[in-house]
PDB file of all heavy atoms in Angstrom:
ATOM      1  N   VAL A   1      10.646  -1.305 -11.878  1.00  0.00           N
ATOM      2  CA  VAL A   1       9.674  -2.229 -11.170  1.00  0.00           C
ATOM      3  C   VAL A   1      10.052  -2.438  -9.705  1.00  0.00           C
ATOM      4  O   VAL A   1       9.137  -2.500  -8.855  1.00  0.00           O
ATOM      5  CB  VAL A   1       9.576  -3.601 -11.938  1.00  0.00           C
ATOM      6  CG1 VAL A   1       8.923  -4.573 -11.097  1.00  0.00           C
ATOM      7  CG2 VAL A   1       8.814  -3.355 -13.216  1.00  0.00           C
ATOM      8  N   ARG A   2      11.310  -2.509  -9.437  1.00  0.00           N
ATOM      9  CA  ARG A   2      11.783  -2.827  -8.078  1.00  0.00           C
ATOM     10  C   ARG A   2      11.252  -1.908  -6.983  1.00  0.00           C
ATOM     11  O   ARG A   2      10.623  -2.392  -6.016  1.00  0.00           O
ATOM     12  CB  ARG A   2      13.335  -2.709  -8.029  1.00  0.00           C
ATOM     13  CG  ARG A   2      14.020  -3.902  -8.679  1.00  0.00           C
ATOM     14  CD  ARG A   2      13.860  -5.209  -7.955  1.00  0.00           C
ATOM     15  NE  ARG A   2      14.161  -5.081  -6.490  1.00  0.00           N
ATOM     16  CZ  ARG A   2      15.412  -5.232  -6.074  1.00  0.00           C
ATOM     17  NH1 ARG A   2      16.336  -5.668  -6.948  1.00  0.00           N
ATOM     18  NH2 ARG A   2      15.676  -5.157  -4.847  1.00  0.00           N
ATOM     19  N   PRO A   3      11.270  -0.574  -7.104  1.00  0.00           N
ATOM     20  CA  PRO A   3      10.636   0.287  -6.165  1.00  0.00           C
ATOM     21  C   PRO A   3       9.150   0.122  -5.936  1.00  0.00           C
ATOM     22  O   PRO A   3       8.610   0.359  -4.827  1.00  0.00           O
ATOM     23  CB  PRO A   3      10.967   1.724  -6.613  1.00  0.00           C
ATOM     24  CG  PRO A   3      12.100   1.592  -7.619  1.00  0.00           C
ATOM     25  CD  PRO A   3      11.879   0.276  -8.170  1.00  0.00           C
ATOM     26  N   CYS A   4       8.466  -0.390  -7.017  1.00  0.00           N
ATOM     27  CA  CYS A   4       7.032  -0.584  -6.939  1.00  0.00           C
ATOM     28  C   CYS A   4       6.724  -1.908  -6.144  1.00  0.00           C
ATOM     29  O   CYS A   4       5.709  -1.991  -5.421  1.00  0.00           O
ATOM     30  CB  CYS A   4       6.355  -0.740  -8.280  1.00  0.00           C
ATOM     31  SG  CYS A   4       6.585   0.841  -9.327  1.00  0.00           S
ATOM     32  N   LEU A   5       7.561  -2.875  -6.290  1.00  0.00           N
ATOM     33  CA  LEU A   5       7.356  -4.182  -5.626  1.00  0.00           C
ATOM     34  C   LEU A   5       7.846  -4.283  -4.177  1.00  0.00           C
ATOM     35  O   LEU A   5       7.262  -4.914  -3.348  1.00  0.00           O
ATOM     36  CB  LEU A   5       8.064  -5.264  -6.408  1.00  0.00           C
ATOM     37  CG  LEU A   5       7.509  -5.607  -7.845  1.00  0.00           C
ATOM     38  CD1 LEU A   5       8.355  -6.577  -8.514  1.00  0.00           C
ATOM     39  CD2 LEU A   5       6.076  -6.097  -7.695  1.00  0.00           C
ATOM     40  N   ASP A   6       8.908  -3.415  -3.907  1.00  0.00           N
ATOM     41  CA  ASP A   6       9.466  -3.508  -2.520  1.00  0.00           C
ATOM     42  C   ASP A   6       8.428  -3.230  -1.437  1.00  0.00           C
ATOM     43  O   ASP A   6       8.410  -4.018  -0.406  1.00  0.00           O
ATOM     44  CB  ASP A   6      10.634  -2.529  -2.396  1.00  0.00           C
ATOM     45  CG  ASP A   6      11.851  -2.995  -3.183  1.00  0.00           C
ATOM     46  OD1 ASP A   6      11.938  -4.265  -3.471  1.00  0.00           O
ATOM     47  OD2 ASP A   6      12.719  -2.189  -3.476  1.00  0.00           O
ATOM     48  N   PRO A   7       7.612  -2.165  -1.558  1.00  0.00           N
ATOM     49  CA  PRO A   7       6.606  -1.928  -0.490  1.00  0.00           C
ATOM     50  C   PRO A   7       5.317  -2.741  -0.599  1.00  0.00           C
ATOM     51  O   PRO A   7       4.433  -2.610   0.178  1.00  0.00           O
ATOM     52  CB  PRO A   7       6.334  -0.422  -0.596  1.00  0.00           C
ATOM     53  CG  PRO A   7       6.498  -0.191  -2.072  1.00  0.00           C
ATOM     54  CD  PRO A   7       7.575  -1.122  -2.547  1.00  0.00           C
ATOM     55  N   ALA A   8       5.196  -3.503  -1.673  1.00  0.00           N
ATOM     56  CA  ALA A   8       3.920  -4.228  -1.928  1.00  0.00           C
ATOM     57  C   ALA A   8       3.706  -5.249  -0.893  1.00  0.00           C
ATOM     58  O   ALA A   8       4.624  -5.918  -0.374  1.00  0.00           O
ATOM     59  CB  ALA A   8       3.961  -4.893  -3.339  1.00  0.00           C
ATOM     60  N   PRO A   9       2.461  -5.582  -0.547  1.00  0.00           N
ATOM     61  CA  PRO A   9       2.119  -6.647   0.415  1.00  0.00           C
ATOM     62  C   PRO A   9       2.432  -8.009  -0.253  1.00  0.00           C
ATOM     63  O   PRO A   9       2.787  -8.073  -1.470  1.00  0.00           O
ATOM     64  CB  PRO A   9       0.591  -6.483   0.624  1.00  0.00           C
ATOM     65  CG  PRO A   9       0.157  -5.841  -0.549  1.00  0.00           C
ATOM     66  CD  PRO A   9       1.295  -4.843  -1.038  1.00  0.00           C
ATOM     67  N   ALA A  10       2.304  -9.035   0.562  1.00  0.00           N
ATOM     68  CA  ALA A  10       2.553 -10.441   0.006  1.00  0.00           C
ATOM     69  C   ALA A  10       1.688 -10.625  -1.178  1.00  0.00           C
ATOM     70  O   ALA A  10       0.486 -10.413  -1.187  1.00  0.00           O
ATOM     71  CB  ALA A  10       2.322 -11.445   1.058  1.00  0.00           C
ATOM     72  N   LEU A  11       2.259 -11.153  -2.282  1.00  0.00           N
ATOM     73  CA  LEU A  11       1.582 -11.414  -3.510  1.00  0.00           C
ATOM     74  C   LEU A  11       1.043 -12.805  -3.443  1.00  0.00           C
ATOM     75  O   LEU A  11       1.617 -13.756  -3.003  1.00  0.00           O
ATOM     76  CB  LEU A  11       2.454 -11.151  -4.675  1.00  0.00           C
ATOM     77  CG  LEU A  11       3.161  -9.781  -4.779  1.00  0.00           C
ATOM     78  CD1 LEU A  11       3.998  -9.708  -6.060  1.00  0.00           C
ATOM     79  CD2 LEU A  11       2.058  -8.733  -4.815  1.00  0.00           C
ATOM     80  N   GLY A  12      -0.113 -12.953  -4.210  1.00  0.00           N
ATOM     81  CA  GLY A  12      -0.715 -14.290  -4.322  1.00  0.00           C
ATOM     82  C   GLY A  12      -0.045 -15.080  -5.456  1.00  0.00           C
ATOM     83  O   GLY A  12       0.720 -14.516  -6.265  1.00  0.00           O
ATOM     84  N   PRO A  13      -0.367 -16.370  -5.616  1.00  0.00           N
ATOM     85  CA  PRO A  13       0.276 -17.171  -6.575  1.00  0.00           C
ATOM     86  C   PRO A  13       0.055 -16.741  -8.086  1.00  0.00           C
ATOM     87  O   PRO A  13       0.917 -16.769  -8.887  1.00  0.00           O
ATOM     88  CB  PRO A  13      -0.300 -18.559  -6.389  1.00  0.00           C
ATOM     89  CG  PRO A  13      -1.623 -18.395  -5.557  1.00  0.00           C
ATOM     90  CD  PRO A  13      -1.360 -17.107  -4.809  1.00  0.00           C
ATOM     91  N   LEU A  14      -1.177 -16.174  -8.270  1.00  0.00           N
ATOM     92  CA  LEU A  14      -1.432 -15.666  -9.665  1.00  0.00           C
ATOM     93  C   LEU A  14      -0.602 -14.385  -9.991  1.00  0.00           C
ATOM     94  O   LEU A  14      -0.084 -14.279 -11.085  1.00  0.00           O
ATOM     95  CB  LEU A  14      -2.885 -15.373  -9.880  1.00  0.00           C
ATOM     96  CG  LEU A  14      -3.845 -16.621  -9.967  1.00  0.00           C
ATOM     97  CD1 LEU A  14      -5.333 -16.114 -10.153  1.00  0.00           C
ATOM     98  CD2 LEU A  14      -3.453 -17.540 -11.107  1.00  0.00           C
ATOM     99  N   GLU A  15      -0.433 -13.531  -8.985  1.00  0.00           N
ATOM    100  CA  GLU A  15       0.383 -12.349  -9.208  1.00  0.00           C
ATOM    101  C   GLU A  15       1.841 -12.723  -9.404  1.00  0.00           C
ATOM    102  O   GLU A  15       2.521 -12.162 -10.246  1.00  0.00           O
ATOM    103  CB  GLU A  15       0.195 -11.391  -7.988  1.00  0.00           C
ATOM    104  CG  GLU A  15      -1.246 -10.839  -7.875  1.00  0.00           C
ATOM    105  CD  GLU A  15      -1.423 -10.184  -6.548  1.00  0.00           C
ATOM    106  OE1 GLU A  15      -1.076 -10.755  -5.493  1.00  0.00           O
ATOM    107  OE2 GLU A  15      -2.006  -9.052  -6.537  1.00  0.00           O
ATOM    108  N   VAL A  16       2.303 -13.638  -8.588  1.00  0.00           N
ATOM    109  CA  VAL A  16       3.745 -14.102  -8.723  1.00  0.00           C
ATOM    110  C   VAL A  16       3.871 -14.744 -10.095  1.00  0.00           C
ATOM    111  O   VAL A  16       4.934 -14.545 -10.776  1.00  0.00           O
ATOM    112  CB  VAL A  16       4.054 -15.116  -7.607  1.00  0.00           C
ATOM    113  CG1 VAL A  16       5.439 -15.746  -7.861  1.00  0.00           C
ATOM    114  CG2 VAL A  16       4.070 -14.357  -6.277  1.00  0.00           C
ATOM    115  N   ALA A  17       2.984 -15.508 -10.534  1.00  0.00           N
ATOM    116  CA  ALA A  17       3.025 -16.188 -11.831  1.00  0.00           C
ATOM    117  C   ALA A  17       3.118 -15.202 -12.928  1.00  0.00           C
ATOM    118  O   ALA A  17       3.855 -15.325 -13.913  1.00  0.00           O
ATOM    119  CB  ALA A  17       1.940 -17.174 -12.023  1.00  0.00           C
ATOM    120  N   ALA A  18       2.237 -14.123 -12.810  1.00  0.00           N
ATOM    121  CA  ALA A  18       2.188 -13.063 -13.851  1.00  0.00           C
ATOM    122  C   ALA A  18       3.589 -12.356 -13.898  1.00  0.00           C
ATOM    123  O   ALA A  18       4.052 -12.062 -15.015  1.00  0.00           O
ATOM    124  CB  ALA A  18       1.083 -12.129 -13.540  1.00  0.00           C
ATOM    125  N   ILE A  19       4.122 -12.039 -12.750  1.00  0.00           N
ATOM    126  CA  ILE A  19       5.434 -11.371 -12.751  1.00  0.00           C
ATOM    127  C   ILE A  19       6.469 -12.191 -13.419  1.00  0.00           C
ATOM    128  O   ILE A  19       7.236 -11.776 -14.228  1.00  0.00           O
ATOM    129  CB  ILE A  19       5.877 -11.075 -11.285  1.00  0.00           C
ATOM    130  CG1 ILE A  19       4.951  -9.896 -10.804  1.00  0.00           C
ATOM    131  CG2 ILE A  19       7.354 -10.674 -11.206  1.00  0.00           C
ATOM    132  CD1 ILE A  19       5.156  -9.643  -9.252  1.00  0.00           C
ATOM    133  N   ARG A  20       6.497 -13.479 -13.054  1.00  0.00           N
ATOM    134  CA  ARG A  20       7.506 -14.394 -13.611  1.00  0.00           C
ATOM    135  C   ARG A  20       7.389 -14.530 -15.106  1.00  0.00           C
ATOM    136  O   ARG A  20       8.315 -14.589 -15.878  1.00  0.00           O
ATOM    137  CB  ARG A  20       7.455 -15.750 -12.851  1.00  0.00           C
ATOM    138  CG  ARG A  20       7.993 -15.727 -11.473  1.00  0.00           C
ATOM    139  CD  ARG A  20       7.850 -17.112 -10.822  1.00  0.00           C
ATOM    140  NE  ARG A  20       8.699 -18.089 -11.497  1.00  0.00           N
ATOM    141  CZ  ARG A  20      10.004 -18.370 -11.210  1.00  0.00           C
ATOM    142  NH1 ARG A  20      10.555 -17.649 -10.225  1.00  0.00           N
ATOM    143  NH2 ARG A  20      10.641 -19.163 -11.863  1.00  0.00           N
ATOM    144  N   VAL A  21       6.146 -14.676 -15.591  1.00  0.00           N
ATOM    145  CA  VAL A  21       5.896 -14.877 -17.064  1.00  0.00           C
ATOM    146  C   VAL A  21       6.318 -13.553 -17.799  1.00  0.00           C
ATOM    147  O   VAL A  21       7.086 -13.653 -18.800  1.00  0.00           O
ATOM    148  CB  VAL A  21       4.438 -15.072 -17.302  1.00  0.00           C
ATOM    149  CG1 VAL A  21       4.132 -14.919 -18.798  1.00  0.00           C
ATOM    150  CG2 VAL A  21       4.033 -16.464 -16.911  1.00  0.00           C
ATOM    151  N   LEU A  22       6.028 -12.423 -17.289  1.00  0.00           N
ATOM    152  CA  LEU A  22       6.442 -11.122 -17.948  1.00  0.00           C
ATOM    153  C   LEU A  22       8.018 -11.008 -17.927  1.00  0.00           C
ATOM    154  O   LEU A  22       8.560 -10.616 -18.984  1.00  0.00           O
ATOM    155  CB  LEU A  22       5.806  -9.932 -17.225  1.00  0.00           C
ATOM    156  CG  LEU A  22       4.311  -9.850 -17.500  1.00  0.00           C
ATOM    157  CD1 LEU A  22       3.702  -8.774 -16.639  1.00  0.00           C
ATOM    158  CD2 LEU A  22       3.915  -9.635 -18.965  1.00  0.00           C
ATOM    159  N   VAL A  23       8.599 -11.293 -16.869  1.00  0.00           N
ATOM    160  CA  VAL A  23      10.032 -11.149 -16.760  1.00  0.00           C
ATOM    161  C   VAL A  23      10.763 -12.141 -17.673  1.00  0.00           C
ATOM    162  O   VAL A  23      11.691 -11.792 -18.358  1.00  0.00           O
ATOM    163  CB  VAL A  23      10.494 -11.337 -15.238  1.00  0.00           C
ATOM    164  CG1 VAL A  23      12.031 -11.455 -15.166  1.00  0.00           C
ATOM    165  CG2 VAL A  23       9.981 -10.154 -14.401  1.00  0.00           C
ATOM    166  N   VAL A  24      10.336 -13.415 -17.579  1.00  0.00           N
ATOM    167  CA  VAL A  24      11.005 -14.442 -18.417  1.00  0.00           C
ATOM    168  C   VAL A  24      10.773 -14.162 -19.884  1.00  0.00           C
ATOM    169  O   VAL A  24      11.666 -14.355 -20.675  1.00  0.00           O
ATOM    170  CB  VAL A  24      10.474 -15.844 -18.039  1.00  0.00           C
ATOM    171  CG1 VAL A  24      10.991 -16.858 -19.015  1.00  0.00           C
ATOM    172  CG2 VAL A  24      11.000 -16.246 -16.605  1.00  0.00           C
ATOM    173  N   HIS A  25       9.532 -13.700 -20.298  1.00  0.00           N
ATOM    174  CA  HIS A  25       9.246 -13.434 -21.623  1.00  0.00           C
ATOM    175  C   HIS A  25      10.112 -12.298 -22.192  1.00  0.00           C
ATOM    176  O   HIS A  25      10.664 -12.364 -23.234  1.00  0.00           O
ATOM    177  CB  HIS A  25       7.798 -13.091 -21.778  1.00  0.00           C
ATOM    178  CG  HIS A  25       7.401 -12.681 -23.121  1.00  0.00           C
ATOM    179  ND1 HIS A  25       7.498 -13.516 -24.281  1.00  0.00           N
ATOM    180  CD2 HIS A  25       6.977 -11.548 -23.676  1.00  0.00           C
ATOM    181  CE1 HIS A  25       7.130 -12.942 -25.350  1.00  0.00           C
ATOM    182  NE2 HIS A  25       6.836 -11.659 -24.965  1.00  0.00           N
ATOM    183  N   GLY A  26      10.210 -11.250 -21.356  1.00  0.00           N
ATOM    184  CA  GLY A  26      11.060 -10.123 -21.749  1.00  0.00           C
ATOM    185  C   GLY A  26      12.491 -10.525 -21.951  1.00  0.00           C
ATOM    186  O   GLY A  26      13.211 -10.035 -22.941  1.00  0.00           O
ATOM    187  N   TRP A  27      13.014 -11.327 -21.040  1.00  0.00           N
ATOM    188  CA  TRP A  27      14.408 -11.733 -21.139  1.00  0.00           C
ATOM    189  C   TRP A  27      14.700 -12.709 -22.184  1.00  0.00           C
ATOM    190  O   TRP A  27      15.744 -12.636 -22.901  1.00  0.00           O
ATOM    191  CB  TRP A  27      14.867 -12.261 -19.764  1.00  0.00           C
ATOM    192  CG  TRP A  27      16.264 -12.750 -19.610  1.00  0.00           C
ATOM    193  CD1 TRP A  27      16.674 -13.915 -19.146  1.00  0.00           C
ATOM    194  CD2 TRP A  27      17.499 -12.054 -20.043  1.00  0.00           C
ATOM    195  NE1 TRP A  27      18.028 -13.993 -19.195  1.00  0.00           N
ATOM    196  CE2 TRP A  27      18.534 -12.897 -19.720  1.00  0.00           C
ATOM    197  CE3 TRP A  27      17.762 -10.819 -20.648  1.00  0.00           C
ATOM    198  CZ2 TRP A  27      19.930 -12.563 -20.021  1.00  0.00           C
ATOM    199  CZ3 TRP A  27      19.035 -10.503 -20.939  1.00  0.00           C
ATOM    200  CH2 TRP A  27      20.088 -11.411 -20.627  1.00  0.00           C
ATOM    201  N   ARG A  28      13.819 -13.634 -22.366  1.00  0.00           N
ATOM    202  CA  ARG A  28      14.051 -14.679 -23.415  1.00  0.00           C
ATOM    203  C   ARG A  28      14.095 -14.077 -24.800  1.00  0.00           C
ATOM    204  O   ARG A  28      14.847 -14.599 -25.681  1.00  0.00           O
ATOM    205  CB  ARG A  28      13.134 -15.816 -23.296  1.00  0.00           C
ATOM    206  CG  ARG A  28      11.638 -15.538 -23.687  1.00  0.00           C
ATOM    207  CD  ARG A  28      11.256 -15.980 -25.021  1.00  0.00           C
ATOM    208  NE  ARG A  28       9.947 -15.514 -25.410  1.00  0.00           N
ATOM    209  CZ  ARG A  28       9.534 -15.399 -26.617  1.00  0.00           C
ATOM    210  NH1 ARG A  28      10.404 -15.712 -27.686  1.00  0.00           N
ATOM    211  NH2 ARG A  28       8.359 -14.960 -26.930  1.00  0.00           N
ATOM    212  N   ARG A  29      13.276 -13.009 -25.042  1.00  0.00           N
ATOM    213  CA  ARG A  29      13.319 -12.326 -26.357  1.00  0.00           C
ATOM    214  C   ARG A  29      14.681 -11.757 -26.653  1.00  0.00           C
ATOM    215  O   ARG A  29      15.113 -11.625 -27.805  1.00  0.00           O
ATOM    216  CB  ARG A  29      12.296 -11.196 -26.380  1.00  0.00           C
ATOM    217  CG  ARG A  29      10.884 -11.661 -26.311  1.00  0.00           C
ATOM    218  CD  ARG A  29       9.886 -10.564 -26.332  1.00  0.00           C
ATOM    219  NE  ARG A  29       9.963  -9.795 -27.557  1.00  0.00           N
ATOM    220  CZ  ARG A  29      10.244  -8.475 -27.641  1.00  0.00           C
ATOM    221  NH1 ARG A  29      10.415  -7.801 -26.520  1.00  0.00           N
ATOM    222  NH2 ARG A  29      10.230  -7.831 -28.804  1.00  0.00           N
ATOM    223  N   ILE A  30      15.498 -11.486 -25.616  1.00  0.00           N
ATOM    224  CA  ILE A  30      16.813 -10.940 -25.798  1.00  0.00           C
ATOM    225  C   ILE A  30      17.807 -12.024 -25.819  1.00  0.00           C
ATOM    226  O   ILE A  30      18.631 -12.163 -26.780  1.00  0.00           O
ATOM    227  CB  ILE A  30      17.106  -9.905 -24.642  1.00  0.00           C
ATOM    228  CG1 ILE A  30      16.154  -8.772 -24.696  1.00  0.00           C
ATOM    229  CG2 ILE A  30      18.540  -9.423 -24.743  1.00  0.00           C
ATOM    230  CD1 ILE A  30      16.277  -7.794 -23.500  1.00  0.00           C
ATOM    231  N   VAL A  31      17.840 -12.876 -24.738  1.00  0.00           N
ATOM    232  CA  VAL A  31      18.995 -13.768 -24.645  1.00  0.00           C
ATOM    233  C   VAL A  31      19.002 -14.884 -25.721  1.00  0.00           C
ATOM    234  O   VAL A  31      20.124 -15.327 -26.087  1.00  0.00           O
ATOM    235  CB  VAL A  31      18.927 -14.395 -23.214  1.00  0.00           C
ATOM    236  CG1 VAL A  31      17.810 -15.369 -23.095  1.00  0.00           C
ATOM    237  CG2 VAL A  31      20.258 -15.067 -22.898  1.00  0.00           C
ATOM    238  N   LEU A  32      17.837 -15.251 -26.161  1.00  0.00           N
ATOM    239  CA  LEU A  32      17.809 -16.307 -27.245  1.00  0.00           C
ATOM    240  C   LEU A  32      18.212 -15.704 -28.605  1.00  0.00           C
ATOM    241  O   LEU A  32      18.435 -16.531 -29.530  1.00  0.00           O
ATOM    242  CB  LEU A  32      16.461 -17.057 -27.278  1.00  0.00           C
ATOM    243  CG  LEU A  32      16.064 -17.771 -26.003  1.00  0.00           C
ATOM    244  CD1 LEU A  32      14.727 -18.434 -26.187  1.00  0.00           C
ATOM    245  CD2 LEU A  32      17.114 -18.749 -25.665  1.00  0.00           C
TER     246      LEU A  32
END
């Protein structure tokens, strides 16, 4: 994901929220 996000323009609040939800959901399934 990193190479795709690095050149991306500034993201809006909904896009940022979506990224955070997906990242946290994927990680919590493992860490918990």
